[in-house]
Amino acid sequence: MNKNKTRITALVIIVALIAAIALIISIRQPNETNSDSSDENIILFYSFSCPHCKNVSDYISENNIKNKYSFTELEISENQKNSAKLIKKAKECGYDTKNLGVPFLWTEGTCLMGDKEIIDFFKP
């Protein structure tokens, strides 16, 4: 009977660890949207480590921009598909893809790069 308790305890711990890992992964990318969506009219590309991206994120939060605009946010430093999509969108706007940076906003053929330009775009 002692062996059964040990096995059940080990199984419960393993299941709990798997659940915790899944939760951490889902929390880490809360605003991530499927990068294959075809109905995106505004896309904001960002990186977790970018201080200018944080400026834009703070402005969006402080001014309830998500209630005023519908847009997709795509993280590029840890997602190669999103990074490739950024390059594709930048090329549409005629940007030199060797000098791209984030934050980068694409909206129906218009591109903006940098926190000031993007914040100005969202200002009323």
PDB file of N, CA and C in Angstrom:
ATOM      1  N   MET A   1       0.822  -1.194   0.000  1.00  0.00           N
ATOM      2  CA  MET A   1       0.000   0.000   0.000  1.00  0.00           C
ATOM      3  C   MET A   1       0.864   1.254   0.000  1.00  0.00           C
ATOM      4  N   ASN A   2       2.006   1.207   0.637  1.00  0.00           N
ATOM      5  CA  ASN A   2       2.918   2.340   0.677  1.00  0.00           C
ATOM      6  C   ASN A   2       3.429   2.676  -0.722  1.00  0.00           C
ATOM      7  N   LYS A   3       3.686   1.645  -1.553  1.00  0.00           N
ATOM      8  CA  LYS A   3       4.145   1.867  -2.921  1.00  0.00           C
ATOM      9  C   LYS A   3       3.075   2.589  -3.726  1.00  0.00           C
ATOM     10  N   ASN A   4       1.826   2.225  -3.540  1.00  0.00           N
ATOM     11  CA  ASN A   4       0.736   2.871  -4.273  1.00  0.00           C
ATOM     12  C   ASN A   4       0.625   4.348  -3.906  1.00  0.00           C
ATOM     13  N   LYS A   5       0.752   4.664  -2.610  1.00  0.00           N
ATOM     14  CA  LYS A   5       0.696   6.061  -2.190  1.00  0.00           C
ATOM     15  C   LYS A   5       1.839   6.856  -2.815  1.00  0.00           C
ATOM     16  N   THR A   6       3.022   6.252  -2.865  1.00  0.00           N
ATOM     17  CA  THR A   6       4.186   6.920  -3.446  1.00  0.00           C
ATOM     18  C   THR A   6       3.968   7.157  -4.933  1.00  0.00           C
ATOM     19  N   ARG A   7       3.434   6.177  -5.631  1.00  0.00           N
ATOM     20  CA  ARG A   7       3.170   6.320  -7.069  1.00  0.00           C
ATOM     21  C   ARG A   7       2.110   7.390  -7.334  1.00  0.00           C
ATOM     22  N   ILE A   8       1.065   7.383  -6.542  1.00  0.00           N
ATOM     23  CA  ILE A   8      -0.002   8.375  -6.715  1.00  0.00           C
ATOM     24  C   ILE A   8       0.537   9.774  -6.429  1.00  0.00           C
ATOM     25  N   THR A   9       1.339   9.911  -5.383  1.00  0.00           N
ATOM     26  CA  THR A   9       1.932  11.205  -5.048  1.00  0.00           C
ATOM     27  C   THR A   9       2.835  11.680  -6.184  1.00  0.00           C
ATOM     28  N   ALA A  10       3.660  10.788  -6.716  1.00  0.00           N
ATOM     29  CA  ALA A  10       4.549  11.148  -7.824  1.00  0.00           C
ATOM     30  C   ALA A  10       3.741  11.558  -9.048  1.00  0.00           C
ATOM     31  N   LEU A  11       2.674  10.864  -9.337  1.00  0.00           N
ATOM     32  CA  LEU A  11       1.819  11.179 -10.486  1.00  0.00           C
ATOM     33  C   LEU A  11       1.161  12.541 -10.307  1.00  0.00           C
ATOM     34  N   VAL A  12       0.674  12.831  -9.114  1.00  0.00           N
ATOM     35  CA  VAL A  12       0.051  14.123  -8.829  1.00  0.00           C
ATOM     36  C   VAL A  12       1.076  15.250  -9.005  1.00  0.00           C
ATOM     37  N   ILE A  13       2.295  15.048  -8.542  1.00  0.00           N
ATOM     38  CA  ILE A  13       3.349  16.058  -8.675  1.00  0.00           C
ATOM     39  C   ILE A  13       3.679  16.291 -10.143  1.00  0.00           C
ATOM     40  N   ILE A  14       3.785  15.240 -10.921  1.00  0.00           N
ATOM     41  CA  ILE A  14       4.085  15.367 -12.351  1.00  0.00           C
ATOM     42  C   ILE A  14       2.976  16.123 -13.070  1.00  0.00           C
ATOM     43  N   VAL A  15       1.743  15.779 -12.788  1.00  0.00           N
ATOM     44  CA  VAL A  15       0.608  16.469 -13.415  1.00  0.00           C
ATOM     45  C   VAL A  15       0.593  17.947 -13.015  1.00  0.00           C
ATOM     46  N   ALA A  16       0.874  18.227 -11.759  1.00  0.00           N
ATOM     47  CA  ALA A  16       0.908  19.613 -11.290  1.00  0.00           C
ATOM     48  C   ALA A  16       2.023  20.394 -11.974  1.00  0.00           C
ATOM     49  N   LEU A  17       3.185  19.797 -12.158  1.00  0.00           N
ATOM     50  CA  LEU A  17       4.288  20.459 -12.850  1.00  0.00           C
ATOM     51  C   LEU A  17       3.935  20.752 -14.297  1.00  0.00           C
ATOM     52  N   ILE A  18       3.325  19.819 -14.978  1.00  0.00           N
ATOM     53  CA  ILE A  18       2.922  20.026 -16.375  1.00  0.00           C
ATOM     54  C   ILE A  18       1.902  21.157 -16.457  1.00  0.00           C
ATOM     55  N   ALA A  19       0.955  21.180 -15.555  1.00  0.00           N
ATOM     56  CA  ALA A  19      -0.050  22.251 -15.539  1.00  0.00           C
ATOM     57  C   ALA A  19       0.603  23.606 -15.261  1.00  0.00           C
ATOM     58  N   ALA A  20       1.554  23.648 -14.347  1.00  0.00           N
ATOM     59  CA  ALA A  20       2.246  24.902 -14.022  1.00  0.00           C
ATOM     60  C   ALA A  20       3.038  25.413 -15.215  1.00  0.00           C
ATOM     61  N   ILE A  21       3.714  24.537 -15.917  1.00  0.00           N
ATOM     62  CA  ILE A  21       4.474  24.935 -17.103  1.00  0.00           C
ATOM     63  C   ILE A  21       3.537  25.477 -18.180  1.00  0.00           C
ATOM     64  N   ALA A  22       2.425  24.807 -18.397  1.00  0.00           N
ATOM     65  CA  ALA A  22       1.456  25.281 -19.395  1.00  0.00           C
ATOM     66  C   ALA A  22       0.916  26.653 -19.018  1.00  0.00           C
ATOM     67  N   LEU A  23       0.650  26.873 -17.749  1.00  0.00           N
ATOM     68  CA  LEU A  23       0.155  28.166 -17.283  1.00  0.00           C
ATOM     69  C   LEU A  23       1.193  29.259 -17.484  1.00  0.00           C
ATOM     70  N   ILE A  24       2.442  28.982 -17.167  1.00  0.00           N
ATOM     71  CA  ILE A  24       3.513  29.961 -17.344  1.00  0.00           C
ATOM     72  C   ILE A  24       3.653  30.343 -18.812  1.00  0.00           C
ATOM     73  N   ILE A  25       3.593  29.379 -19.692  1.00  0.00           N
ATOM     74  CA  ILE A  25       3.702  29.654 -21.130  1.00  0.00           C
ATOM     75  C   ILE A  25       2.540  30.518 -21.592  1.00  0.00           C
ATOM     76  N   SER A  26       1.344  30.240 -21.141  1.00  0.00           N
ATOM     77  CA  SER A  26       0.183  31.027 -21.580  1.00  0.00           C
ATOM     78  C   SER A  26       0.214  32.439 -21.007  1.00  0.00           C
ATOM     79  N   ILE A  27       0.747  32.630 -19.816  1.00  0.00           N
ATOM     80  CA  ILE A  27       0.836  33.957 -19.210  1.00  0.00           C
ATOM     81  C   ILE A  27       1.929  34.782 -19.876  1.00  0.00           C
ATOM     82  N   ARG A  28       2.990  34.171 -20.297  1.00  0.00           N
ATOM     83  CA  ARG A  28       4.136  34.888 -20.859  1.00  0.00           C
ATOM     84  C   ARG A  28       3.781  35.676 -22.110  1.00  0.00           C
ATOM     85  N   GLN A  29       2.823  35.210 -22.906  1.00  0.00           N
ATOM     86  CA  GLN A  29       2.471  35.886 -24.142  1.00  0.00           C
ATOM     87  C   GLN A  29       0.977  36.200 -24.163  1.00  0.00           C
ATOM     88  N   PRO A  30       0.509  37.076 -23.260  1.00  0.00           N
ATOM     89  CA  PRO A  30      -0.916  37.316 -23.143  1.00  0.00           C
ATOM     90  C   PRO A  30      -1.548  38.009 -24.338  1.00  0.00           C
ATOM     91  N   ASN A  31      -0.813  38.863 -25.068  1.00  0.00           N
ATOM     92  CA  ASN A  31      -1.386  39.610 -26.171  1.00  0.00           C
ATOM     93  C   ASN A  31      -1.051  39.007 -27.521  1.00  0.00           C
ATOM     94  N   GLU A  32      -0.444  37.858 -27.511  1.00  0.00           N
ATOM     95  CA  GLU A  32      -0.022  37.237 -28.752  1.00  0.00           C
ATOM     96  C   GLU A  32      -1.237  36.803 -29.560  1.00  0.00           C
ATOM     97  N   THR A  33      -1.215  37.108 -30.818  1.00  0.00           N
ATOM     98  CA  THR A  33      -2.295  36.734 -31.716  1.00  0.00           C
ATOM     99  C   THR A  33      -1.718  35.864 -32.805  1.00  0.00           C
ATOM    100  N   ASN A  34      -2.510  34.982 -33.341  1.00  0.00           N
ATOM    101  CA  ASN A  34      -2.073  34.113 -34.418  1.00  0.00           C
ATOM    102  C   ASN A  34      -1.550  34.941 -35.572  1.00  0.00           C
ATOM    103  N   SER A  35      -0.280  34.756 -35.933  1.00  0.00           N
ATOM    104  CA  SER A  35       0.343  35.573 -36.961  1.00  0.00           C
ATOM    105  C   SER A  35      -0.114  35.192 -38.362  1.00  0.00           C
ATOM    106  N   ASP A  36      -0.922  34.157 -38.500  1.00  0.00           N
ATOM    107  CA  ASP A  36      -1.407  33.764 -39.817  1.00  0.00           C
ATOM    108  C   ASP A  36      -2.783  34.339 -40.124  1.00  0.00           C
ATOM    109  N   SER A  37      -3.316  35.143 -39.224  1.00  0.00           N
ATOM    110  CA  SER A  37      -4.630  35.733 -39.429  1.00  0.00           C
ATOM    111  C   SER A  37      -4.604  36.635 -40.646  1.00  0.00           C
ATOM    112  N   SER A  38      -5.628  36.570 -41.489  1.00  0.00           N
ATOM    113  CA  SER A  38      -5.626  37.338 -42.722  1.00  0.00           C
ATOM    114  C   SER A  38      -6.450  38.610 -42.621  1.00  0.00           C
ATOM    115  N   ASP A  39      -7.145  38.856 -41.503  1.00  0.00           N
ATOM    116  CA  ASP A  39      -8.004  40.029 -41.395  1.00  0.00           C
ATOM    117  C   ASP A  39      -7.385  41.128 -40.534  1.00  0.00           C
ATOM    118  N   GLU A  40      -6.067  41.214 -40.526  1.00  0.00           N
ATOM    119  CA  GLU A  40      -5.368  42.192 -39.719  1.00  0.00           C
ATOM    120  C   GLU A  40      -5.268  43.518 -40.474  1.00  0.00           C
ATOM    121  N   ASN A  41      -5.872  44.565 -39.934  1.00  0.00           N
ATOM    122  CA  ASN A  41      -5.776  45.889 -40.544  1.00  0.00           C
ATOM    123  C   ASN A  41      -4.689  46.728 -39.908  1.00  0.00           C
ATOM    124  N   ILE A  42      -4.401  46.469 -38.631  1.00  0.00           N
ATOM    125  CA  ILE A  42      -3.319  47.149 -37.919  1.00  0.00           C
ATOM    126  C   ILE A  42      -2.521  46.087 -37.182  1.00  0.00           C
ATOM    127  N   ILE A  43      -1.208  46.106 -37.385  1.00  0.00           N
ATOM    128  CA  ILE A  43      -0.332  45.151 -36.696  1.00  0.00           C
ATOM    129  C   ILE A  43       0.754  45.943 -35.982  1.00  0.00           C
ATOM    130  N   LEU A  44       0.909  45.680 -34.697  1.00  0.00           N
ATOM    131  CA  LEU A  44       1.975  46.290 -33.909  1.00  0.00           C
ATOM    132  C   LEU A  44       3.001  45.207 -33.597  1.00  0.00           C
ATOM    133  N   PHE A  45       4.192  45.359 -34.145  1.00  0.00           N
ATOM    134  CA  PHE A  45       5.282  44.429 -33.892  1.00  0.00           C
ATOM    135  C   PHE A  45       6.104  44.972 -32.723  1.00  0.00           C
ATOM    136  N   TYR A  46       6.501  44.086 -31.814  1.00  0.00           N
ATOM    137  CA  TYR A  46       7.243  44.501 -30.633  1.00  0.00           C
ATOM    138  C   TYR A  46       8.178  43.394 -30.182  1.00  0.00           C
ATOM    139  N   SER A  47       9.032  43.739 -29.213  1.00  0.00           N
ATOM    140  CA  SER A  47       9.926  42.772 -28.594  1.00  0.00           C
ATOM    141  C   SER A  47       9.807  42.912 -27.087  1.00  0.00           C
ATOM    142  N   PHE A  48       9.928  41.811 -26.364  1.00  0.00           N
ATOM    143  CA  PHE A  48       9.840  41.841 -24.909  1.00  0.00           C
ATOM    144  C   PHE A  48      10.923  42.729 -24.293  1.00  0.00           C
ATOM    145  N   SER A  49      12.109  42.773 -24.896  1.00  0.00           N
ATOM    146  CA  SER A  49      13.238  43.479 -24.284  1.00  0.00           C
ATOM    147  C   SER A  49      13.391  44.924 -24.770  1.00  0.00           C
ATOM    148  N   CYS A  50      12.487  45.410 -25.571  1.00  0.00           N
ATOM    149  CA  CYS A  50      12.608  46.729 -26.193  1.00  0.00           C
ATOM    150  C   CYS A  50      12.020  47.828 -25.305  1.00  0.00           C
ATOM    151  N   PRO A  51      12.845  48.805 -24.874  1.00  0.00           N
ATOM    152  CA  PRO A  51      12.321  49.875 -24.021  1.00  0.00           C
ATOM    153  C   PRO A  51      11.342  50.795 -24.758  1.00  0.00           C
ATOM    154  N   HIS A  52      11.544  51.001 -26.055  1.00  0.00           N
ATOM    155  CA  HIS A  52      10.613  51.836 -26.827  1.00  0.00           C
ATOM    156  C   HIS A  52       9.267  51.133 -26.987  1.00  0.00           C
ATOM    157  N   CYS A  53       9.307  49.809 -27.077  1.00  0.00           N
ATOM    158  CA  CYS A  53       8.067  49.021 -27.147  1.00  0.00           C
ATOM    159  C   CYS A  53       7.302  49.167 -25.831  1.00  0.00           C
ATOM    160  N   LYS A  54       8.026  49.196 -24.728  1.00  0.00           N
ATOM    161  CA  LYS A  54       7.383  49.382 -23.421  1.00  0.00           C
ATOM    162  C   LYS A  54       6.708  50.744 -23.350  1.00  0.00           C
ATOM    163  N   ASN A  55       7.342  51.775 -23.921  1.00  0.00           N
ATOM    164  CA  ASN A  55       6.720  53.105 -23.954  1.00  0.00           C
ATOM    165  C   ASN A  55       5.375  53.036 -24.680  1.00  0.00           C
ATOM    166  N   VAL A  56       5.350  52.348 -25.818  1.00  0.00           N
ATOM    167  CA  VAL A  56       4.108  52.214 -26.582  1.00  0.00           C
ATOM    168  C   VAL A  56       3.091  51.404 -25.785  1.00  0.00           C
ATOM    169  N   SER A  57       3.536  50.316 -25.193  1.00  0.00           N
ATOM    170  CA  SER A  57       2.643  49.467 -24.404  1.00  0.00           C
ATOM    171  C   SER A  57       2.040  50.242 -23.234  1.00  0.00           C
ATOM    172  N   ASP A  58       2.869  51.031 -22.560  1.00  0.00           N
ATOM    173  CA  ASP A  58       2.373  51.846 -21.447  1.00  0.00           C
ATOM    174  C   ASP A  58       1.330  52.856 -21.937  1.00  0.00           C
ATOM    175  N   TYR A  59       1.602  53.503 -23.065  1.00  0.00           N
ATOM    176  CA  TYR A  59       0.657  54.478 -23.613  1.00  0.00           C
ATOM    177  C   TYR A  59      -0.671  53.794 -23.956  1.00  0.00           C
ATOM    178  N   ILE A  60      -0.576  52.622 -24.567  1.00  0.00           N
ATOM    179  CA  ILE A  60      -1.781  51.867 -24.945  1.00  0.00           C
ATOM    180  C   ILE A  60      -2.601  51.537 -23.698  1.00  0.00           C
ATOM    181  N   SER A  61      -1.930  51.084 -22.647  1.00  0.00           N
ATOM    182  CA  SER A  61      -2.631  50.738 -21.400  1.00  0.00           C
ATOM    183  C   SER A  61      -3.230  51.960 -20.723  1.00  0.00           C
ATOM    184  N   GLU A  62      -2.435  53.001 -20.585  1.00  0.00           N
ATOM    185  CA  GLU A  62      -2.868  54.195 -19.860  1.00  0.00           C
ATOM    186  C   GLU A  62      -4.008  54.944 -20.555  1.00  0.00           C
ATOM    187  N   ASN A  63      -4.117  54.783 -21.872  1.00  0.00           N
ATOM    188  CA  ASN A  63      -5.113  55.532 -22.642  1.00  0.00           C
ATOM    189  C   ASN A  63      -6.218  54.647 -23.215  1.00  0.00           C
ATOM    190  N   ASN A  64      -6.314  53.413 -22.729  1.00  0.00           N
ATOM    191  CA  ASN A  64      -7.357  52.478 -23.165  1.00  0.00           C
ATOM    192  C   ASN A  64      -7.446  52.366 -24.684  1.00  0.00           C
ATOM    193  N   ILE A  65      -6.305  52.325 -25.343  1.00  0.00           N
ATOM    194  CA  ILE A  65      -6.262  52.295 -26.809  1.00  0.00           C
ATOM    195  C   ILE A  65      -6.922  51.031 -27.357  1.00  0.00           C
ATOM    196  N   LYS A  66      -6.824  49.933 -26.624  1.00  0.00           N
ATOM    197  CA  LYS A  66      -7.429  48.687 -27.112  1.00  0.00           C
ATOM    198  C   LYS A  66      -8.952  48.771 -27.168  1.00  0.00           C
ATOM    199  N   ASN A  67      -9.542  49.722 -26.441  1.00  0.00           N
ATOM    200  CA  ASN A  67     -10.989  49.931 -26.525  1.00  0.00           C
ATOM    201  C   ASN A  67     -11.366  50.830 -27.696  1.00  0.00           C
ATOM    202  N   LYS A  68     -10.382  51.523 -28.255  1.00  0.00           N
ATOM    203  CA  LYS A  68     -10.633  52.469 -29.346  1.00  0.00           C
ATOM    204  C   LYS A  68     -10.226  51.919 -30.705  1.00  0.00           C
ATOM    205  N   TYR A  69      -9.237  51.030 -30.721  1.00  0.00           N
ATOM    206  CA  TYR A  69      -8.705  50.458 -31.963  1.00  0.00           C
ATOM    207  C   TYR A  69      -8.658  48.937 -31.838  1.00  0.00           C
ATOM    208  N   SER A  70      -8.881  48.291 -32.950  1.00  0.00           N
ATOM    209  CA  SER A  70      -8.707  46.849 -33.016  1.00  0.00           C
ATOM    210  C   SER A  70      -7.388  46.599 -33.748  1.00  0.00           C
ATOM    211  N   PHE A  71      -6.450  45.955 -33.067  1.00  0.00           N
ATOM    212  CA  PHE A  71      -5.169  45.676 -33.705  1.00  0.00           C
ATOM    213  C   PHE A  71      -4.561  44.406 -33.149  1.00  0.00           C
ATOM    214  N   THR A  72      -3.618  43.892 -33.911  1.00  0.00           N
ATOM    215  CA  THR A  72      -2.914  42.666 -33.560  1.00  0.00           C
ATOM    216  C   THR A  72      -1.528  43.030 -33.066  1.00  0.00           C
ATOM    217  N   GLU A  73      -1.088  42.393 -32.000  1.00  0.00           N
ATOM    218  CA  GLU A  73       0.260  42.584 -31.489  1.00  0.00           C
ATOM    219  C   GLU A  73       1.055  41.308 -31.747  1.00  0.00           C
ATOM    220  N   LEU A  74       2.229  41.463 -32.365  1.00  0.00           N
ATOM    221  CA  LEU A  74       3.069  40.315 -32.683  1.00  0.00           C
ATOM    222  C   LEU A  74       4.470  40.516 -32.119  1.00  0.00           C
ATOM    223  N   GLU A  75       4.896  39.599 -31.263  1.00  0.00           N
ATOM    224  CA  GLU A  75       6.227  39.629 -30.657  1.00  0.00           C
ATOM    225  C   GLU A  75       7.204  39.016 -31.652  1.00  0.00           C
ATOM    226  N   ILE A  76       8.327  39.687 -31.916  1.00  0.00           N
ATOM    227  CA  ILE A  76       9.223  39.228 -32.987  1.00  0.00           C
ATOM    228  C   ILE A  76      10.522  38.580 -32.510  1.00  0.00           C
ATOM    229  N   SER A  77      10.942  38.820 -31.278  1.00  0.00           N
ATOM    230  CA  SER A  77      12.248  38.301 -30.869  1.00  0.00           C
ATOM    231  C   SER A  77      12.229  36.806 -30.574  1.00  0.00           C
ATOM    232  N   GLU A  78      11.073  36.281 -30.203  1.00  0.00           N
ATOM    233  CA  GLU A  78      10.975  34.859 -29.882  1.00  0.00           C
ATOM    234  C   GLU A  78      10.080  34.099 -30.848  1.00  0.00           C
ATOM    235  N   ASN A  79       9.669  34.754 -31.936  1.00  0.00           N
ATOM    236  CA  ASN A  79       8.762  34.108 -32.884  1.00  0.00           C
ATOM    237  C   ASN A  79       9.228  34.418 -34.306  1.00  0.00           C
ATOM    238  N   GLN A  80       9.820  33.423 -34.961  1.00  0.00           N
ATOM    239  CA  GLN A  80      10.378  33.621 -36.300  1.00  0.00           C
ATOM    240  C   GLN A  80       9.311  33.944 -37.345  1.00  0.00           C
ATOM    241  N   LYS A  81       8.114  33.384 -37.208  1.00  0.00           N
ATOM    242  CA  LYS A  81       7.040  33.689 -38.160  1.00  0.00           C
ATOM    243  C   LYS A  81       6.662  35.160 -38.069  1.00  0.00           C
ATOM    244  N   ASN A  82       6.585  35.672 -36.851  1.00  0.00           N
ATOM    245  CA  ASN A  82       6.254  37.081 -36.672  1.00  0.00           C
ATOM    246  C   ASN A  82       7.363  37.977 -37.204  1.00  0.00           C
ATOM    247  N   SER A  83       8.614  37.575 -36.996  1.00  0.00           N
ATOM    248  CA  SER A  83       9.754  38.334 -37.499  1.00  0.00           C
ATOM    249  C   SER A  83       9.730  38.377 -39.032  1.00  0.00           C
ATOM    250  N   ALA A  84       9.423  37.244 -39.650  1.00  0.00           N
ATOM    251  CA  ALA A  84       9.326  37.189 -41.111  1.00  0.00           C
ATOM    252  C   ALA A  84       8.179  38.061 -41.609  1.00  0.00           C
ATOM    253  N   LYS A  85       7.085  38.084 -40.862  1.00  0.00           N
ATOM    254  CA  LYS A  85       5.941  38.916 -41.237  1.00  0.00           C
ATOM    255  C   LYS A  85       6.311  40.396 -41.141  1.00  0.00           C
ATOM    256  N   LEU A  86       7.081  40.780 -40.126  1.00  0.00           N
ATOM    257  CA  LEU A  86       7.553  42.154 -40.003  1.00  0.00           C
ATOM    258  C   LEU A  86       8.360  42.544 -41.240  1.00  0.00           C
ATOM    259  N   ILE A  87       9.268  41.694 -41.653  1.00  0.00           N
ATOM    260  CA  ILE A  87      10.091  41.979 -42.832  1.00  0.00           C
ATOM    261  C   ILE A  87       9.216  42.129 -44.068  1.00  0.00           C
ATOM    262  N   LYS A  88       8.241  41.253 -44.224  1.00  0.00           N
ATOM    263  CA  LYS A  88       7.326  41.326 -45.376  1.00  0.00           C
ATOM    264  C   LYS A  88       6.565  42.657 -45.380  1.00  0.00           C
ATOM    265  N   LYS A  89       6.031  43.042 -44.228  1.00  0.00           N
ATOM    266  CA  LYS A  89       5.264  44.290 -44.142  1.00  0.00           C
ATOM    267  C   LYS A  89       6.168  45.498 -44.383  1.00  0.00           C
ATOM    268  N   ALA A  90       7.389  45.470 -43.856  1.00  0.00           N
ATOM    269  CA  ALA A  90       8.326  46.576 -44.060  1.00  0.00           C
ATOM    270  C   ALA A  90       8.674  46.722 -45.543  1.00  0.00           C
ATOM    271  N   LYS A  91       8.844  45.611 -46.226  1.00  0.00           N
ATOM    272  CA  LYS A  91       9.128  45.651 -47.664  1.00  0.00           C
ATOM    273  C   LYS A  91       7.965  46.278 -48.434  1.00  0.00           C
ATOM    274  N   GLU A  92       6.729  45.982 -48.006  1.00  0.00           N
ATOM    275  CA  GLU A  92       5.553  46.584 -48.646  1.00  0.00           C
ATOM    276  C   GLU A  92       5.629  48.110 -48.599  1.00  0.00           C
ATOM    277  N   CYS A  93       6.222  48.637 -47.542  1.00  0.00           N
ATOM    278  CA  CYS A  93       6.320  50.091 -47.346  1.00  0.00           C
ATOM    279  C   CYS A  93       7.614  50.667 -47.911  1.00  0.00           C
ATOM    280  N   GLY A  94       8.458  49.815 -48.474  1.00  0.00           N
ATOM    281  CA  GLY A  94       9.713  50.285 -49.046  1.00  0.00           C
ATOM    282  C   GLY A  94      10.827  50.507 -48.039  1.00  0.00           C
ATOM    283  N   TYR A  95      10.698  49.948 -46.846  1.00  0.00           N
ATOM    284  CA  TYR A  95      11.733  50.094 -45.827  1.00  0.00           C
ATOM    285  C   TYR A  95      12.938  49.217 -46.151  1.00  0.00           C
ATOM    286  N   ASP A  96      14.126  49.681 -45.787  1.00  0.00           N
ATOM    287  CA  ASP A  96      15.346  48.893 -45.856  1.00  0.00           C
ATOM    288  C   ASP A  96      15.286  47.877 -44.716  1.00  0.00           C
ATOM    289  N   THR A  97      15.183  46.616 -45.046  1.00  0.00           N
ATOM    290  CA  THR A  97      14.983  45.594 -44.003  1.00  0.00           C
ATOM    291  C   THR A  97      16.232  45.356 -43.163  1.00  0.00           C
ATOM    292  N   LYS A  98      17.366  45.911 -43.549  1.00  0.00           N
ATOM    293  CA  LYS A  98      18.587  45.771 -42.740  1.00  0.00           C
ATOM    294  C   LYS A  98      18.566  46.717 -41.543  1.00  0.00           C
ATOM    295  N   ASN A  99      17.750  47.747 -41.607  1.00  0.00           N
ATOM    296  CA  ASN A  99      17.709  48.745 -40.538  1.00  0.00           C
ATOM    297  C   ASN A  99      16.353  48.810 -39.849  1.00  0.00           C
ATOM    298  N   LEU A 100      15.679  47.688 -39.766  1.00  0.00           N
ATOM    299  CA  LEU A 100      14.375  47.658 -39.102  1.00  0.00           C
ATOM    300  C   LEU A 100      14.539  47.644 -37.597  1.00  0.00           C
ATOM    301  N   GLY A 101      13.560  48.201 -36.932  1.00  0.00           N
ATOM    302  CA  GLY A 101      13.533  48.158 -35.484  1.00  0.00           C
ATOM    303  C   GLY A 101      12.097  48.078 -35.006  1.00  0.00           C
ATOM    304  N   VAL A 102      11.939  47.828 -33.748  1.00  0.00           N
ATOM    305  CA  VAL A 102      10.619  47.815 -33.130  1.00  0.00           C
ATOM    306  C   VAL A 102      10.615  48.865 -32.037  1.00  0.00           C
ATOM    307  N   PRO A 103       9.488  49.390 -31.725  1.00  0.00           N
ATOM    308  CA  PRO A 103       8.167  49.018 -32.213  1.00  0.00           C
ATOM    309  C   PRO A 103       7.985  49.433 -33.672  1.00  0.00           C
ATOM    310  N   PHE A 104       7.168  48.647 -34.358  1.00  0.00           N
ATOM    311  CA  PHE A 104       6.895  48.858 -35.774  1.00  0.00           C
ATOM    312  C   PHE A 104       5.405  48.628 -35.964  1.00  0.00           C
ATOM    313  N   LEU A 105       4.744  49.593 -36.569  1.00  0.00           N
ATOM    314  CA  LEU A 105       3.309  49.470 -36.783  1.00  0.00           C
ATOM    315  C   LEU A 105       3.022  49.472 -38.276  1.00  0.00           C
ATOM    316  N   TRP A 106       2.244  48.512 -38.732  1.00  0.00           N
ATOM    317  CA  TRP A 106       1.789  48.430 -40.121  1.00  0.00           C
ATOM    318  C   TRP A 106       0.274  48.593 -40.124  1.00  0.00           C
ATOM    319  N   THR A 107      -0.209  49.437 -41.002  1.00  0.00           N
ATOM    320  CA  THR A 107      -1.650  49.577 -41.169  1.00  0.00           C
ATOM    321  C   THR A 107      -1.967  49.780 -42.637  1.00  0.00           C
ATOM    322  N   GLU A 108      -2.496  48.750 -43.250  1.00  0.00           N
ATOM    323  CA  GLU A 108      -2.959  48.773 -44.641  1.00  0.00           C
ATOM    324  C   GLU A 108      -1.999  49.493 -45.579  1.00  0.00           C
ATOM    325  N   GLY A 109      -0.730  49.081 -45.548  1.00  0.00           N
ATOM    326  CA  GLY A 109       0.257  49.622 -46.473  1.00  0.00           C
ATOM    327  C   GLY A 109       1.039  50.813 -45.958  1.00  0.00           C
ATOM    328  N   THR A 110       0.740  51.296 -44.775  1.00  0.00           N
ATOM    329  CA  THR A 110       1.491  52.391 -44.166  1.00  0.00           C
ATOM    330  C   THR A 110       2.279  51.828 -42.992  1.00  0.00           C
ATOM    331  N   CYS A 111       3.530  52.255 -42.879  1.00  0.00           N
ATOM    332  CA  CYS A 111       4.380  51.752 -41.803  1.00  0.00           C
ATOM    333  C   CYS A 111       4.886  52.897 -40.940  1.00  0.00           C
ATOM    334  N   LEU A 112       4.960  52.631 -39.659  1.00  0.00           N
ATOM    335  CA  LEU A 112       5.510  53.571 -38.691  1.00  0.00           C
ATOM    336  C   LEU A 112       6.504  52.821 -37.825  1.00  0.00           C
ATOM    337  N   MET A 113       7.635  53.473 -37.547  1.00  0.00           N
ATOM    338  CA  MET A 113       8.649  52.819 -36.723  1.00  0.00           C
ATOM    339  C   MET A 113       9.076  53.782 -35.621  1.00  0.00           C
ATOM    340  N   GLY A 114       9.115  53.280 -34.406  1.00  0.00           N
ATOM    341  CA  GLY A 114       9.537  54.079 -33.268  1.00  0.00           C
ATOM    342  C   GLY A 114       8.361  54.451 -32.387  1.00  0.00           C
ATOM    343  N   ASP A 115       8.657  54.642 -31.113  1.00  0.00           N
ATOM    344  CA  ASP A 115       7.582  54.887 -30.159  1.00  0.00           C
ATOM    345  C   ASP A 115       6.854  56.203 -30.411  1.00  0.00           C
ATOM    346  N   LYS A 116       7.550  57.253 -30.764  1.00  0.00           N
ATOM    347  CA  LYS A 116       6.897  58.558 -30.945  1.00  0.00           C
ATOM    348  C   LYS A 116       5.894  58.519 -32.099  1.00  0.00           C
ATOM    349  N   GLU A 117       6.303  57.955 -33.239  1.00  0.00           N
ATOM    350  CA  GLU A 117       5.399  57.880 -34.406  1.00  0.00           C
ATOM    351  C   GLU A 117       4.167  57.034 -34.089  1.00  0.00           C
ATOM    352  N   ILE A 118       4.379  55.936 -33.402  1.00  0.00           N
ATOM    353  CA  ILE A 118       3.264  55.036 -33.105  1.00  0.00           C
ATOM    354  C   ILE A 118       2.326  55.646 -32.068  1.00  0.00           C
ATOM    355  N   ILE A 119       2.869  56.264 -31.050  1.00  0.00           N
ATOM    356  CA  ILE A 119       2.027  56.939 -30.067  1.00  0.00           C
ATOM    357  C   ILE A 119       1.221  58.052 -30.730  1.00  0.00           C
ATOM    358  N   ASP A 120       1.860  58.819 -31.625  1.00  0.00           N
ATOM    359  CA  ASP A 120       1.144  59.868 -32.363  1.00  0.00           C
ATOM    360  C   ASP A 120       0.015  59.288 -33.206  1.00  0.00           C
ATOM    361  N   PHE A 121       0.227  58.124 -33.763  1.00  0.00           N
ATOM    362  CA  PHE A 121      -0.820  57.454 -34.566  1.00  0.00           C
ATOM    363  C   PHE A 121      -2.042  57.176 -33.714  1.00  0.00           C
ATOM    364  N   PHE A 122      -1.842  56.766 -32.475  1.00  0.00           N
ATOM    365  CA  PHE A 122      -2.946  56.408 -31.601  1.00  0.00           C
ATOM    366  C   PHE A 122      -3.578  57.607 -30.876  1.00  0.00           C
ATOM    367  N   LYS A 123      -2.919  58.756 -30.932  1.00  0.00           N
ATOM    368  CA  LYS A 123      -3.479  59.932 -30.257  1.00  0.00           C
ATOM    369  C   LYS A 123      -4.727  60.408 -30.976  1.00  0.00           C
ATOM    370  N   PRO A 124      -5.717  60.922 -30.201  1.00  0.00           N
ATOM    371  CA  PRO A 124      -6.965  61.399 -30.823  1.00  0.00           C
ATOM    372  C   PRO A 124      -6.735  62.648 -31.668  1.00  0.00           C
TER     373      PRO A 124
END
